Amino acid sequence: MEQRRPSPTEIARRPGPADPRLDLVAGSIDLLHGRIRFVHPRDPTALLYEDDVAADQAYPPYWAELWPSGIELAHAVSQRDWTGTDAVELGCGLGLPAVAAALAGARVLATDRSADALAFAAVNAEQNGAHIETARCSWDAPDALVASGPFQLVLASDVLYGQRNVDDMHALLPRLVGEGGQVWIADPERPLTEEFLAIARTRWASVQTSATRLPKIWIHRLTRTA
């Protein structure tokens, strides 16, 4: 007897993967030359918060979101040739800027406090034929990361959303950037951004801001003296 095929309604009602990290959505973004393909969890809000025992704090799974700042930073990075450049992405999440830098010739280290984020960044790099290294890192305990530098390019997107992050960035960034190196931060006009930039202008040789394709996303470039 021929087995009855389930109807589309029956298929739709079947339970999804028990682990929301395995319920994936595929997407792509356009770069100046080419495209980046990526996957990410369908419902980031279903993911568990990640515990940091040392800090006695739990962190939301922000890494699983597709943030406009990350997309615009990846697009901006793709506009240059980074061949031979040592680059690092802080709080890489899905890793789109890291992948864009690698495709443009950079040697890239993608970092995040979340092991899941690093796994997704590595997968997204692999499916685009890009090579990146990954490392788990907390900004308030960055000695291992600093030892991997200095870097000529430091990338970060939408990281200025809390006072602790702003303070950590001021302390960490000068330790990562080599002479003549740059920090590129994509930011969606977070309330603390102007405070961050005001202090940065007193500590860096140059602080420049440029527009992106989106009206409220900006890229701030901090440069060390050559």
C-alpha atoms as a PDB file:
ATOM      1  CA  MET A   1       0.000   0.000   0.000  1.00  0.00           C
ATOM      2  CA  GLU A   2       1.344   3.417  -0.936  1.00  0.00           C
ATOM      3  CA  GLN A   3       2.084   5.556   2.080  1.00  0.00           C
ATOM      4  CA  ARG A   4       0.046   8.757   2.322  1.00  0.00           C
ATOM      5  CA  ARG A   5       2.074  11.889   1.936  1.00  0.00           C
ATOM      6  CA  PRO A   6       1.640  14.484   4.698  1.00  0.00           C
ATOM      7  CA  SER A   7      -0.153  17.649   3.734  1.00  0.00           C
ATOM      8  CA  PRO A   8       1.603  21.052   3.828  1.00  0.00           C
ATOM      9  CA  THR A   9      -0.446  21.912   6.924  1.00  0.00           C
ATOM     10  CA  GLU A  10       0.743  18.763   8.698  1.00  0.00           C
ATOM     11  CA  ILE A  11       4.347  19.500   7.767  1.00  0.00           C
ATOM     12  CA  ALA A  12       4.040  23.064   9.064  1.00  0.00           C
ATOM     13  CA  ARG A  13       2.741  21.790  12.391  1.00  0.00           C
ATOM     14  CA  ARG A  14       5.691  19.501  12.980  1.00  0.00           C
ATOM     15  CA  PRO A  15       7.930  20.625  15.849  1.00  0.00           C
ATOM     16  CA  GLY A  16      11.122  22.355  14.851  1.00  0.00           C
ATOM     17  CA  PRO A  17      14.614  21.604  16.154  1.00  0.00           C
ATOM     18  CA  ALA A  18      14.778  21.404  19.933  1.00  0.00           C
ATOM     19  CA  ASP A  19      17.850  23.655  19.947  1.00  0.00           C
ATOM     20  CA  PRO A  20      16.926  27.104  18.544  1.00  0.00           C
ATOM     21  CA  ARG A  21      20.532  27.528  17.416  1.00  0.00           C
ATOM     22  CA  LEU A  22      19.870  24.805  14.840  1.00  0.00           C
ATOM     23  CA  ASP A  23      16.737  26.434  13.440  1.00  0.00           C
ATOM     24  CA  LEU A  24      18.516  28.519  10.839  1.00  0.00           C
ATOM     25  CA  VAL A  25      17.728  31.155   8.255  1.00  0.00           C
ATOM     26  CA  ALA A  26      19.986  31.763   5.277  1.00  0.00           C
ATOM     27  CA  GLY A  27      20.577  35.213   3.869  1.00  0.00           C
ATOM     28  CA  SER A  28      23.028  37.338   1.938  1.00  0.00           C
ATOM     29  CA  ILE A  29      24.246  40.924   1.751  1.00  0.00           C
ATOM     30  CA  ASP A  30      25.713  42.759  -1.212  1.00  0.00           C
ATOM     31  CA  LEU A  31      29.239  44.127  -1.007  1.00  0.00           C
ATOM     32  CA  LEU A  32      30.902  46.541  -3.388  1.00  0.00           C
ATOM     33  CA  HIS A  33      32.223  43.519  -5.303  1.00  0.00           C
ATOM     34  CA  GLY A  34      30.228  40.361  -4.803  1.00  0.00           C
ATOM     35  CA  ARG A  35      28.078  39.075  -1.983  1.00  0.00           C
ATOM     36  CA  ILE A  36      28.369  37.464   1.442  1.00  0.00           C
ATOM     37  CA  ARG A  37      26.148  34.491   2.235  1.00  0.00           C
ATOM     38  CA  PHE A  38      25.416  33.724   5.877  1.00  0.00           C
ATOM     39  CA  VAL A  39      23.205  31.784   8.246  1.00  0.00           C
ATOM     40  CA  HIS A  40      21.817  32.830  11.620  1.00  0.00           C
ATOM     41  CA  PRO A  41      19.246  31.524  14.121  1.00  0.00           C
ATOM     42  CA  ARG A  42      15.680  32.125  13.003  1.00  0.00           C
ATOM     43  CA  ASP A  43      14.553  33.413  16.415  1.00  0.00           C
ATOM     44  CA  PRO A  44      17.362  35.028  18.446  1.00  0.00           C
ATOM     45  CA  THR A  45      14.918  35.749  21.275  1.00  0.00           C
ATOM     46  CA  ALA A  46      14.572  31.989  21.837  1.00  0.00           C
ATOM     47  CA  LEU A  47      18.264  31.628  22.679  1.00  0.00           C
ATOM     48  CA  LEU A  48      19.460  31.443  26.255  1.00  0.00           C
ATOM     49  CA  TYR A  49      21.379  34.247  27.912  1.00  0.00           C
ATOM     50  CA  GLU A  50      25.065  33.430  28.316  1.00  0.00           C
ATOM     51  CA  ASP A  51      26.398  33.382  31.860  1.00  0.00           C
ATOM     52  CA  ASP A  52      29.709  35.024  32.743  1.00  0.00           C
ATOM     53  CA  VAL A  53      30.490  33.499  36.115  1.00  0.00           C
ATOM     54  CA  ALA A  54      33.513  35.742  36.716  1.00  0.00           C
ATOM     55  CA  ALA A  55      31.474  38.891  36.105  1.00  0.00           C
ATOM     56  CA  ASP A  56      28.356  37.480  37.809  1.00  0.00           C
ATOM     57  CA  GLN A  57      26.338  38.623  34.825  1.00  0.00           C
ATOM     58  CA  ALA A  58      24.288  37.094  32.014  1.00  0.00           C
ATOM     59  CA  TYR A  59      24.461  38.526  28.494  1.00  0.00           C
ATOM     60  CA  PRO A  60      21.647  38.580  25.918  1.00  0.00           C
ATOM     61  CA  PRO A  61      22.333  36.663  22.675  1.00  0.00           C
ATOM     62  CA  TYR A  62      22.894  39.861  20.694  1.00  0.00           C
ATOM     63  CA  TRP A  63      25.356  37.973  18.475  1.00  0.00           C
ATOM     64  CA  ALA A  64      22.507  36.155  16.715  1.00  0.00           C
ATOM     65  CA  GLU A  65      20.851  39.323  15.385  1.00  0.00           C
ATOM     66  CA  LEU A  66      21.498  40.715  11.915  1.00  0.00           C
ATOM     67  CA  TRP A  67      22.373  44.305  12.878  1.00  0.00           C
ATOM     68  CA  PRO A  68      22.293  47.132  10.287  1.00  0.00           C
ATOM     69  CA  SER A  69      25.598  48.489  11.643  1.00  0.00           C
ATOM     70  CA  GLY A  70      27.315  45.185  10.911  1.00  0.00           C
ATOM     71  CA  ILE A  71      25.960  45.144   7.373  1.00  0.00           C
ATOM     72  CA  GLU A  72      27.121  48.709   6.682  1.00  0.00           C
ATOM     73  CA  LEU A  73      30.543  48.065   8.196  1.00  0.00           C
ATOM     74  CA  ALA A  74      30.994  44.991   6.010  1.00  0.00           C
ATOM     75  CA  HIS A  75      30.040  47.037   2.943  1.00  0.00           C
ATOM     76  CA  ALA A  76      32.467  49.825   3.852  1.00  0.00           C
ATOM     77  CA  VAL A  77      35.297  47.357   4.434  1.00  0.00           C
ATOM     78  CA  SER A  78      34.681  45.819   1.009  1.00  0.00           C
ATOM     79  CA  GLN A  79      35.503  49.124  -0.684  1.00  0.00           C
ATOM     80  CA  ARG A  80      39.243  48.768  -0.014  1.00  0.00           C
ATOM     81  CA  ASP A  81      42.031  46.310  -0.722  1.00  0.00           C
ATOM     82  CA  TRP A  82      43.279  44.979   2.628  1.00  0.00           C
ATOM     83  CA  THR A  83      45.860  42.566   1.277  1.00  0.00           C
ATOM     84  CA  GLY A  84      48.422  41.741   3.970  1.00  0.00           C
ATOM     85  CA  THR A  85      46.602  43.732   6.676  1.00  0.00           C
ATOM     86  CA  ASP A  86      46.321  42.266  10.169  1.00  0.00           C
ATOM     87  CA  ALA A  87      42.737  42.875  11.279  1.00  0.00           C
ATOM     88  CA  VAL A  88      40.578  41.996  14.264  1.00  0.00           C
ATOM     89  CA  GLU A  89      36.826  42.261  14.754  1.00  0.00           C
ATOM     90  CA  LEU A  90      35.567  42.890  18.278  1.00  0.00           C
ATOM     91  CA  GLY A  91      32.189  41.446  19.226  1.00  0.00           C
ATOM     92  CA  CYS A  92      31.989  39.792  15.828  1.00  0.00           C
ATOM     93  CA  GLY A  93      28.574  38.170  16.187  1.00  0.00           C
ATOM     94  CA  LEU A  94      27.790  36.610  12.810  1.00  0.00           C
ATOM     95  CA  GLY A  95      31.125  37.868  11.513  1.00  0.00           C
ATOM     96  CA  LEU A  96      30.071  39.741   8.387  1.00  0.00           C
ATOM     97  CA  PRO A  97      32.693  42.546   8.620  1.00  0.00           C
ATOM     98  CA  ALA A  98      35.362  39.934   9.414  1.00  0.00           C
ATOM     99  CA  VAL A  99      34.384  37.934   6.327  1.00  0.00           C
ATOM    100  CA  ALA A 100      34.381  41.080   4.175  1.00  0.00           C
ATOM    101  CA  ALA A 101      37.881  41.965   5.381  1.00  0.00           C
ATOM    102  CA  ALA A 102      39.136  38.435   4.718  1.00  0.00           C
ATOM    103  CA  LEU A 103      37.670  38.451   1.206  1.00  0.00           C
ATOM    104  CA  ALA A 104      39.514  41.761   0.641  1.00  0.00           C
ATOM    105  CA  GLY A 105      42.840  40.148   1.536  1.00  0.00           C
ATOM    106  CA  ALA A 106      43.231  40.785   5.280  1.00  0.00           C
ATOM    107  CA  ARG A 107      44.447  38.294   7.857  1.00  0.00           C
ATOM    108  CA  VAL A 108      41.480  38.367  10.228  1.00  0.00           C
ATOM    109  CA  LEU A 109      40.924  37.395  13.832  1.00  0.00           C
ATOM    110  CA  ALA A 110      37.230  37.407  14.787  1.00  0.00           C
ATOM    111  CA  THR A 111      36.550  37.691  18.514  1.00  0.00           C
ATOM    112  CA  ASP A 112      33.496  37.519  20.736  1.00  0.00           C
ATOM    113  CA  ARG A 113      32.635  36.590  24.321  1.00  0.00           C
ATOM    114  CA  SER A 114      30.172  34.006  22.932  1.00  0.00           C
ATOM    115  CA  ALA A 115      31.417  30.628  21.732  1.00  0.00           C
ATOM    116  CA  ASP A 116      28.242  30.300  19.652  1.00  0.00           C
ATOM    117  CA  ALA A 117      29.013  33.563  17.868  1.00  0.00           C
ATOM    118  CA  LEU A 118      32.466  32.309  16.951  1.00  0.00           C
ATOM    119  CA  ALA A 119      31.003  29.079  15.575  1.00  0.00           C
ATOM    120  CA  PHE A 120      28.604  31.006  13.342  1.00  0.00           C
ATOM    121  CA  ALA A 121      31.312  33.443  12.220  1.00  0.00           C
ATOM    122  CA  ALA A 122      33.549  30.524  11.223  1.00  0.00           C
ATOM    123  CA  VAL A 123      30.736  28.807   9.303  1.00  0.00           C
ATOM    124  CA  ASN A 124      29.816  32.034   7.524  1.00  0.00           C
ATOM    125  CA  ALA A 125      33.437  32.567   6.531  1.00  0.00           C
ATOM    126  CA  GLU A 126      33.781  29.008   5.255  1.00  0.00           C
ATOM    127  CA  GLN A 127      30.716  29.131   3.040  1.00  0.00           C
ATOM    128  CA  ASN A 128      32.124  32.261   1.366  1.00  0.00           C
ATOM    129  CA  GLY A 129      35.537  30.740   0.761  1.00  0.00           C
ATOM    130  CA  ALA A 130      37.151  33.081   3.294  1.00  0.00           C
ATOM    131  CA  HIS A 131      39.613  32.156   6.032  1.00  0.00           C
ATOM    132  CA  ILE A 132      39.394  33.717   9.476  1.00  0.00           C
ATOM    133  CA  GLU A 133      40.767  32.803  12.882  1.00  0.00           C
ATOM    134  CA  THR A 134      38.512  33.013  15.919  1.00  0.00           C
ATOM    135  CA  ALA A 135      39.165  33.628  19.617  1.00  0.00           C
ATOM    136  CA  ARG A 136      36.892  33.945  22.621  1.00  0.00           C
ATOM    137  CA  CYS A 137      37.557  37.208  24.404  1.00  0.00           C
ATOM    138  CA  SER A 138      36.070  39.439  27.073  1.00  0.00           C
ATOM    139  CA  TRP A 139      36.929  43.122  26.746  1.00  0.00           C
ATOM    140  CA  ASP A 140      37.661  43.459  30.442  1.00  0.00           C
ATOM    141  CA  ALA A 141      40.192  40.590  30.294  1.00  0.00           C
ATOM    142  CA  PRO A 142      41.896  41.138  26.937  1.00  0.00           C
ATOM    143  CA  ASP A 143      45.533  40.235  27.636  1.00  0.00           C
ATOM    144  CA  ALA A 144      45.553  37.241  25.271  1.00  0.00           C
ATOM    145  CA  LEU A 145      43.999  39.354  22.526  1.00  0.00           C
ATOM    146  CA  VAL A 146      46.481  42.190  23.039  1.00  0.00           C
ATOM    147  CA  ALA A 147      49.318  39.671  22.805  1.00  0.00           C
ATOM    148  CA  SER A 148      48.023  38.676  19.352  1.00  0.00           C
ATOM    149  CA  GLY A 149      48.483  42.241  18.050  1.00  0.00           C
ATOM    150  CA  PRO A 150      49.220  44.868  17.180  1.00  0.00           C
ATOM    151  CA  PHE A 151      46.623  45.145  14.417  1.00  0.00           C
ATOM    152  CA  GLN A 152      46.467  47.573  11.543  1.00  0.00           C
ATOM    153  CA  LEU A 153      42.668  47.456  11.409  1.00  0.00           C
ATOM    154  CA  VAL A 154      40.230  47.017  14.305  1.00  0.00           C
ATOM    155  CA  LEU A 155      36.555  46.562  13.421  1.00  0.00           C
ATOM    156  CA  ALA A 156      33.500  46.870  15.665  1.00  0.00           C
ATOM    157  CA  SER A 157      29.817  47.489  15.025  1.00  0.00           C
ATOM    158  CA  ASP A 158      27.187  48.804  17.425  1.00  0.00           C
ATOM    159  CA  VAL A 159      29.328  48.367  20.548  1.00  0.00           C
ATOM    160  CA  LEU A 160      28.756  51.753  22.233  1.00  0.00           C
ATOM    161  CA  TYR A 161      25.402  50.896  23.808  1.00  0.00           C
ATOM    162  CA  GLY A 162      26.412  50.977  27.479  1.00  0.00           C
ATOM    163  CA  GLN A 163      28.779  52.899  29.742  1.00  0.00           C
ATOM    164  CA  ARG A 164      30.739  49.761  30.543  1.00  0.00           C
ATOM    165  CA  ASN A 165      31.298  49.122  26.832  1.00  0.00           C
ATOM    166  CA  VAL A 166      32.404  52.711  26.257  1.00  0.00           C
ATOM    167  CA  ASP A 167      34.879  52.521  29.132  1.00  0.00           C
ATOM    168  CA  ASP A 168      36.186  49.163  27.914  1.00  0.00           C
ATOM    169  CA  MET A 169      36.683  50.521  24.386  1.00  0.00           C
ATOM    170  CA  HIS A 170      38.678  53.510  25.616  1.00  0.00           C
ATOM    171  CA  ALA A 171      40.956  51.189  27.598  1.00  0.00           C
ATOM    172  CA  LEU A 172      41.292  48.429  25.009  1.00  0.00           C
ATOM    173  CA  LEU A 173      41.554  50.087  21.606  1.00  0.00           C
ATOM    174  CA  PRO A 174      44.915  51.870  22.123  1.00  0.00           C
ATOM    175  CA  ARG A 175      46.401  48.524  23.194  1.00  0.00           C
ATOM    176  CA  LEU A 176      45.308  46.823  19.970  1.00  0.00           C
ATOM    177  CA  VAL A 177      46.236  49.318  17.258  1.00  0.00           C
ATOM    178  CA  GLY A 178      49.737  49.567  15.853  1.00  0.00           C
ATOM    179  CA  GLU A 179      51.355  52.789  14.663  1.00  0.00           C
ATOM    180  CA  GLY A 180      49.403  54.165  11.722  1.00  0.00           C
ATOM    181  CA  GLY A 181      46.581  51.695  12.360  1.00  0.00           C
ATOM    182  CA  GLN A 182      42.880  52.457  12.383  1.00  0.00           C
ATOM    183  CA  VAL A 183      39.746  51.581  14.321  1.00  0.00           C
ATOM    184  CA  TRP A 184      36.481  51.478  12.364  1.00  0.00           C
ATOM    185  CA  ILE A 185      33.339  51.582  14.501  1.00  0.00           C
ATOM    186  CA  ALA A 186      29.902  51.448  12.869  1.00  0.00           C
ATOM    187  CA  ASP A 187      27.306  53.051  15.107  1.00  0.00           C
ATOM    188  CA  PRO A 188      23.546  53.775  14.885  1.00  0.00           C
ATOM    189  CA  GLU A 189      23.627  57.029  16.882  1.00  0.00           C
ATOM    190  CA  ARG A 190      23.677  55.395  20.309  1.00  0.00           C
ATOM    191  CA  PRO A 191      23.232  57.949  23.127  1.00  0.00           C
ATOM    192  CA  LEU A 192      26.789  57.462  24.461  1.00  0.00           C
ATOM    193  CA  THR A 193      28.509  57.780  21.092  1.00  0.00           C
ATOM    194  CA  GLU A 194      29.170  61.521  21.319  1.00  0.00           C
ATOM    195  CA  GLU A 195      30.718  61.076  24.755  1.00  0.00           C
ATOM    196  CA  PHE A 196      32.963  58.348  23.351  1.00  0.00           C
ATOM    197  CA  LEU A 197      34.023  60.480  20.387  1.00  0.00           C
ATOM    198  CA  ALA A 198      34.720  63.548  22.517  1.00  0.00           C
ATOM    199  CA  ILE A 199      37.196  61.614  24.633  1.00  0.00           C
ATOM    200  CA  ALA A 200      38.634  59.836  21.584  1.00  0.00           C
ATOM    201  CA  ARG A 201      39.483  63.183  19.970  1.00  0.00           C
ATOM    202  CA  THR A 202      41.795  63.954  22.891  1.00  0.00           C
ATOM    203  CA  ARG A 203      43.607  60.603  22.622  1.00  0.00           C
ATOM    204  CA  TRP A 204      43.842  59.772  18.925  1.00  0.00           C
ATOM    205  CA  ALA A 205      45.676  61.558  16.123  1.00  0.00           C
ATOM    206  CA  SER A 206      42.534  61.657  13.984  1.00  0.00           C
ATOM    207  CA  VAL A 207      38.841  60.943  14.476  1.00  0.00           C
ATOM    208  CA  GLN A 208      36.730  61.055  11.322  1.00  0.00           C
ATOM    209  CA  THR A 209      33.081  60.237  10.738  1.00  0.00           C
ATOM    210  CA  SER A 210      31.556  59.212   7.424  1.00  0.00           C
ATOM    211  CA  ALA A 211      28.048  58.368   6.278  1.00  0.00           C
ATOM    212  CA  THR A 212      26.870  54.965   5.134  1.00  0.00           C
ATOM    213  CA  ARG A 213      24.026  53.947   2.846  1.00  0.00           C
ATOM    214  CA  LEU A 214      21.601  54.234   5.775  1.00  0.00           C
ATOM    215  CA  PRO A 215      20.680  57.679   7.182  1.00  0.00           C
ATOM    216  CA  LYS A 216      21.354  56.921  10.875  1.00  0.00           C
ATOM    217  CA  ILE A 217      24.346  54.571  10.608  1.00  0.00           C
ATOM    218  CA  TRP A 218      27.789  56.208  10.750  1.00  0.00           C
ATOM    219  CA  ILE A 219      31.338  54.889  10.631  1.00  0.00           C
ATOM    220  CA  HIS A 220      33.812  56.510  12.985  1.00  0.00           C
ATOM    221  CA  ARG A 221      37.481  56.061  12.114  1.00  0.00           C
ATOM    222  CA  LEU A 222      40.111  56.517  14.805  1.00  0.00           C
ATOM    223  CA  THR A 223      43.725  56.707  13.601  1.00  0.00           C
ATOM    224  CA  ARG A 224      46.993  56.446  15.499  1.00  0.00           C
ATOM    225  CA  THR A 225      49.967  58.627  14.594  1.00  0.00           C
ATOM    226  CA  ALA A 226      52.088  57.060  11.866  1.00  0.00           C
END
